N, C-alpha and C. Protein backbone atom coordinates (compact mmCIF):
# COMPACT_ATOMS: atom_id res chain seq x y z
N MET A 1 196.38 193.58 289.04
CA MET A 1 195.19 193.39 288.11
C MET A 1 193.99 192.89 288.96
N LYS A 2 194.20 192.13 289.98
CA LYS A 2 193.13 191.65 290.86
C LYS A 2 192.38 192.88 291.45
N ASN A 3 193.12 193.78 291.91
CA ASN A 3 192.59 194.98 292.47
C ASN A 3 191.66 195.71 291.42
N LEU A 4 192.15 195.78 290.17
CA LEU A 4 191.48 196.45 289.19
C LEU A 4 190.11 195.79 288.94
N PHE A 5 190.14 194.52 288.81
CA PHE A 5 188.81 193.75 288.61
C PHE A 5 187.89 194.00 289.88
N ALA A 6 188.37 193.94 291.00
CA ALA A 6 187.66 194.18 292.28
C ALA A 6 186.98 195.50 292.12
N ILE A 7 187.81 196.56 291.80
CA ILE A 7 187.27 197.90 291.78
C ILE A 7 186.16 198.04 290.68
N LEU A 8 186.48 197.43 289.54
CA LEU A 8 185.48 197.45 288.44
C LEU A 8 184.18 196.77 288.87
N ALA A 9 184.26 195.65 289.51
CA ALA A 9 183.02 194.93 289.95
C ALA A 9 182.31 195.76 291.01
N LEU A 10 183.10 196.40 291.94
CA LEU A 10 182.42 197.27 292.97
C LEU A 10 181.77 198.46 292.24
N VAL A 11 182.42 199.11 291.33
CA VAL A 11 181.81 200.25 290.56
C VAL A 11 180.55 199.86 289.82
N GLY A 12 180.66 198.62 289.22
CA GLY A 12 179.48 198.10 288.48
C GLY A 12 178.33 197.88 289.36
N MET A 13 178.59 197.34 290.60
CA MET A 13 177.48 197.04 291.52
C MET A 13 176.77 198.37 291.98
N VAL A 14 177.69 199.36 292.33
CA VAL A 14 177.19 200.63 292.67
C VAL A 14 176.41 201.33 291.61
N ALA A 15 176.82 201.22 290.38
CA ALA A 15 176.15 201.72 289.26
C ALA A 15 174.81 201.14 289.05
N LEU A 16 174.67 199.76 289.23
CA LEU A 16 173.47 199.13 289.13
C LEU A 16 172.46 199.52 290.17
N VAL A 17 172.89 199.63 291.42
CA VAL A 17 172.03 200.01 292.45
C VAL A 17 171.55 201.42 292.33
N SER A 18 172.47 202.35 291.95
CA SER A 18 172.16 203.81 291.88
C SER A 18 171.17 204.16 290.64
N CYS A 19 171.07 203.29 289.65
CA CYS A 19 170.35 203.55 288.44
C CYS A 19 168.83 203.60 288.64
N GLY A 20 168.37 202.95 289.65
CA GLY A 20 166.95 203.01 289.97
C GLY A 20 166.32 201.65 289.63
N GLY A 21 166.91 200.73 288.93
CA GLY A 21 166.44 199.39 288.83
C GLY A 21 165.66 198.92 287.64
N ALA A 22 165.76 199.61 286.59
CA ALA A 22 165.04 199.09 285.39
C ALA A 22 165.75 197.74 284.84
N LYS A 23 165.02 196.71 284.71
CA LYS A 23 165.67 195.37 284.44
C LYS A 23 166.49 195.49 283.15
N LYS A 24 165.96 196.23 282.18
CA LYS A 24 166.73 196.33 280.84
C LYS A 24 168.07 197.02 281.08
N ASP A 25 168.08 198.02 281.93
CA ASP A 25 169.33 198.64 282.28
C ASP A 25 170.29 197.80 282.93
N ASP A 26 169.66 196.97 284.06
CA ASP A 26 170.54 196.04 284.79
C ASP A 26 171.24 195.03 283.82
N GLU A 27 170.40 194.49 282.95
CA GLU A 27 170.89 193.49 282.01
C GLU A 27 171.98 194.04 281.07
N LYS A 28 171.71 195.30 280.58
CA LYS A 28 172.66 195.97 279.69
C LYS A 28 173.99 196.27 280.49
N ALA A 29 173.78 196.74 281.72
CA ALA A 29 175.02 197.06 282.37
C ALA A 29 175.84 195.83 282.81
N LYS A 30 175.10 194.70 283.02
CA LYS A 30 175.79 193.32 283.34
C LYS A 30 176.50 192.96 282.08
N GLN A 31 175.92 193.14 280.94
CA GLN A 31 176.60 192.70 279.64
C GLN A 31 177.79 193.57 279.41
N ASP A 32 177.69 194.85 279.65
CA ASP A 32 178.71 195.77 279.47
C ASP A 32 179.97 195.52 280.37
N SER A 33 179.60 195.16 281.67
CA SER A 33 180.69 194.85 282.53
C SER A 33 181.41 193.54 282.23
N ILE A 34 180.56 192.62 281.65
CA ILE A 34 181.15 191.35 281.23
C ILE A 34 182.12 191.53 280.02
N LYS A 35 181.72 192.40 279.14
CA LYS A 35 182.45 192.76 277.89
C LYS A 35 183.80 193.52 278.42
N LYS A 36 183.68 194.41 279.33
CA LYS A 36 184.88 195.10 279.86
C LYS A 36 185.83 194.10 280.50
N ALA A 37 185.28 193.23 281.31
CA ALA A 37 186.16 192.18 282.03
C ALA A 37 186.78 191.38 281.08
N ASP A 38 186.04 190.90 280.01
CA ASP A 38 186.68 190.10 278.96
C ASP A 38 187.78 190.80 278.24
N SER A 39 187.56 192.12 277.97
CA SER A 39 188.59 192.84 277.17
C SER A 39 189.74 193.11 278.05
N LEU A 40 189.57 193.34 279.37
CA LEU A 40 190.74 193.51 280.34
C LEU A 40 191.44 192.13 280.40
N ALA A 41 190.81 191.01 280.48
CA ALA A 41 191.47 189.72 280.55
C ALA A 41 192.23 189.52 279.34
N LYS A 42 191.71 189.91 278.11
CA LYS A 42 192.42 189.66 276.88
C LYS A 42 193.67 190.58 276.80
N ILE A 43 193.50 191.83 277.34
CA ILE A 43 194.68 192.69 277.26
C ILE A 43 195.78 192.27 278.27
N LYS A 44 195.37 191.61 279.42
CA LYS A 44 196.40 191.05 280.30
C LYS A 44 197.05 189.81 279.76
N GLU A 45 196.25 188.95 279.00
CA GLU A 45 196.91 187.83 278.42
C GLU A 45 197.77 188.27 277.27
N ASP A 46 197.46 189.25 276.55
CA ASP A 46 198.30 189.71 275.44
C ASP A 46 199.57 190.28 276.04
N SER A 47 199.53 191.06 277.13
CA SER A 47 200.70 191.58 277.61
C SER A 47 201.58 190.56 278.31
N ILE A 48 201.04 189.55 278.87
CA ILE A 48 201.89 188.45 279.32
C ILE A 48 202.61 187.73 278.14
N LYS A 49 201.82 187.51 277.08
CA LYS A 49 202.45 186.84 276.00
C LYS A 49 203.48 187.73 275.35
N LYS A 50 203.31 188.98 275.22
CA LYS A 50 204.31 189.83 274.73
C LYS A 50 205.58 189.86 275.58
N ALA A 51 205.48 189.88 276.93
CA ALA A 51 206.61 189.82 277.78
C ALA A 51 207.27 188.60 277.68
N GLU A 52 206.62 187.43 277.49
CA GLU A 52 207.28 186.16 277.27
C GLU A 52 208.07 186.12 276.02
N GLU A 53 207.50 186.75 274.96
CA GLU A 53 208.28 186.88 273.61
C GLU A 53 209.50 187.67 273.79
N LEU A 54 209.38 188.83 274.46
CA LEU A 54 210.52 189.69 274.65
C LEU A 54 211.66 188.91 275.45
N GLU A 55 211.27 188.27 276.45
CA GLU A 55 212.20 187.52 277.31
C GLU A 55 212.85 186.44 276.47
N LYS A 56 212.13 185.70 275.59
CA LYS A 56 212.75 184.74 274.77
C LYS A 56 213.60 185.42 273.72
N ALA A 57 213.23 186.52 273.20
CA ALA A 57 214.06 187.15 272.20
C ALA A 57 215.42 187.60 272.94
N ARG A 58 215.30 188.04 274.19
CA ARG A 58 216.54 188.42 274.94
C ARG A 58 217.49 187.24 275.07
N LEU A 59 216.88 186.12 275.49
CA LEU A 59 217.71 184.95 275.75
C LEU A 59 218.31 184.46 274.46
N ASP A 60 217.51 184.51 273.39
CA ASP A 60 218.12 184.07 272.08
C ASP A 60 219.20 185.00 271.65
N SER A 61 219.11 186.29 271.95
CA SER A 61 220.12 187.24 271.57
C SER A 61 221.48 186.91 272.35
N ILE A 62 221.27 186.61 273.61
CA ILE A 62 222.41 186.26 274.48
C ILE A 62 223.13 185.03 273.94
N ALA A 63 222.25 184.07 273.60
CA ALA A 63 222.88 182.68 273.09
C ALA A 63 223.57 182.96 271.75
N GLN A 64 222.97 183.82 270.92
CA GLN A 64 223.61 184.06 269.59
C GLN A 64 224.95 184.85 269.88
N ALA A 65 224.97 185.74 270.73
CA ALA A 65 226.17 186.48 270.92
C ALA A 65 227.25 185.56 271.47
N LYS A 66 226.86 184.61 272.35
CA LYS A 66 227.86 183.63 272.90
C LYS A 66 228.34 182.70 271.71
N GLU A 67 227.52 182.33 270.86
CA GLU A 67 227.98 181.53 269.79
C GLU A 67 228.88 182.36 268.90
N ASP A 68 228.50 183.55 268.61
CA ASP A 68 229.43 184.44 267.74
C ASP A 68 230.77 184.62 268.36
N SER A 69 230.87 184.84 269.64
CA SER A 69 232.09 185.05 270.29
C SER A 69 232.95 183.76 270.27
N ILE A 70 232.32 182.64 270.48
CA ILE A 70 233.11 181.36 270.31
C ILE A 70 233.63 181.14 268.93
N LYS A 71 232.78 181.54 267.93
CA LYS A 71 233.24 181.27 266.52
C LYS A 71 234.38 182.27 266.20
N ALA A 72 234.33 183.43 266.78
CA ALA A 72 235.37 184.45 266.53
C ALA A 72 236.56 183.99 267.26
N ALA A 73 236.54 183.40 268.39
CA ALA A 73 237.75 182.91 269.09
C ALA A 73 238.34 181.71 268.33
N GLU A 74 237.50 180.86 267.80
CA GLU A 74 238.04 179.72 267.06
C GLU A 74 238.68 180.19 265.77
N LYS A 75 238.24 181.25 265.24
CA LYS A 75 238.70 181.74 263.91
C LYS A 75 240.12 182.31 264.17
N HIS A 76 240.38 182.86 265.28
CA HIS A 76 241.68 183.57 265.61
C HIS A 76 242.64 182.54 266.24
N GLY A 77 242.18 181.38 266.51
CA GLY A 77 243.07 180.41 267.11
C GLY A 77 242.33 179.60 268.15
N ASN A 78 242.87 178.57 268.53
CA ASN A 78 242.34 177.64 269.59
C ASN A 78 242.60 178.06 270.93
N TYR A 79 241.98 179.16 271.39
CA TYR A 79 242.20 179.66 272.67
C TYR A 79 241.09 179.18 273.70
N THR A 80 241.50 178.75 274.78
CA THR A 80 240.48 178.47 275.80
C THR A 80 240.71 179.30 277.08
N TYR A 81 239.62 179.53 277.68
CA TYR A 81 239.73 180.46 278.83
C TYR A 81 239.94 179.60 280.12
N THR A 82 240.92 179.85 280.86
CA THR A 82 241.15 179.11 282.13
C THR A 82 241.33 180.24 283.11
N PRO A 83 240.56 180.29 284.15
CA PRO A 83 240.74 181.34 285.17
C PRO A 83 241.97 180.95 285.91
N SER A 84 242.69 182.07 286.31
CA SER A 84 243.91 181.89 287.11
C SER A 84 243.50 181.98 288.56
N ASN A 85 244.30 181.25 289.34
CA ASN A 85 244.13 181.17 290.75
C ASN A 85 245.21 182.00 291.53
N ASN A 86 245.90 182.81 290.69
CA ASN A 86 246.95 183.64 291.37
C ASN A 86 246.26 184.73 292.15
N THR A 87 246.89 184.89 293.30
CA THR A 87 246.45 185.93 294.21
C THR A 87 247.62 186.78 294.45
N HIS A 88 247.39 188.14 294.27
CA HIS A 88 248.42 189.10 294.49
C HIS A 88 248.15 189.91 295.67
N THR A 89 249.21 190.05 296.59
CA THR A 89 248.87 190.92 297.73
C THR A 89 249.72 192.18 297.57
N THR A 90 249.12 193.27 298.00
CA THR A 90 249.88 194.56 297.84
C THR A 90 250.11 195.11 299.19
N THR A 91 251.27 195.69 299.40
CA THR A 91 251.58 196.25 300.75
C THR A 91 251.51 197.76 300.54
N THR A 92 250.84 198.40 301.45
CA THR A 92 250.71 199.91 301.36
C THR A 92 251.45 200.45 302.61
N THR A 93 252.02 201.59 302.54
CA THR A 93 252.65 202.25 303.67
C THR A 93 251.79 203.52 303.93
N THR A 94 251.71 203.88 305.17
CA THR A 94 250.89 205.00 305.56
C THR A 94 251.94 206.00 306.24
N THR A 95 251.64 207.26 305.90
CA THR A 95 252.54 208.29 306.62
C THR A 95 251.61 209.18 307.29
N THR A 96 252.06 209.84 308.35
CA THR A 96 251.34 210.71 309.13
C THR A 96 251.70 212.14 308.85
N ALA A 97 250.71 212.94 308.49
CA ALA A 97 251.07 214.28 308.23
C ALA A 97 251.01 215.18 309.42
N THR A 98 252.02 215.99 309.56
CA THR A 98 251.99 216.88 310.76
C THR A 98 251.48 218.26 310.45
N THR A 99 250.83 218.88 311.30
CA THR A 99 250.41 220.18 311.07
C THR A 99 251.17 221.20 311.92
N ASN A 100 251.20 222.43 311.41
CA ASN A 100 251.92 223.50 312.10
C ASN A 100 250.98 223.97 313.24
N THR A 101 251.39 223.76 314.55
CA THR A 101 250.66 224.10 315.61
C THR A 101 251.15 225.48 316.25
N GLY A 102 252.11 226.11 315.68
CA GLY A 102 252.68 227.33 316.21
C GLY A 102 251.75 228.51 316.05
N ASN A 103 252.22 229.56 316.51
CA ASN A 103 251.41 230.84 316.35
C ASN A 103 251.45 231.27 314.92
N PRO A 104 250.31 231.76 314.33
CA PRO A 104 250.38 232.17 312.96
C PRO A 104 251.04 233.56 312.82
N VAL A 105 251.74 233.72 311.75
CA VAL A 105 252.52 234.95 311.51
C VAL A 105 251.64 235.87 310.61
N ARG A 106 251.46 237.03 311.06
CA ARG A 106 250.54 237.98 310.38
C ARG A 106 251.40 238.88 309.45
N GLY A 107 250.83 239.34 308.49
CA GLY A 107 251.36 240.26 307.61
C GLY A 107 252.27 239.65 306.55
N GLY A 108 252.35 238.41 306.38
CA GLY A 108 253.06 237.67 305.36
C GLY A 108 254.50 237.74 305.54
N ARG A 109 255.15 238.09 306.61
CA ARG A 109 256.58 238.23 306.85
C ARG A 109 257.10 237.01 307.65
């Protein structure tokens, strides 16, 4: 967004210089650029606010799902989750495949 404001300011300055310099036009262009900057700032503020609302809704949804799963677990019995510390080791065996290194038989016989 900073780059956008810098570009808009630069474009505004170039437009003021290239217009030929009528003071009314300069003042009008200045007011227009101020209005544009204000509207861009408002849009940025609104988008930040909307993103914060969406993040809050996401976190609320996660919290609600957690509460619902706890209630469902309590409804079906008093189960508590305890992670197991059991480790299982598996043994694998490897076999070596041999290839036929003899002369090929031609003709299918």
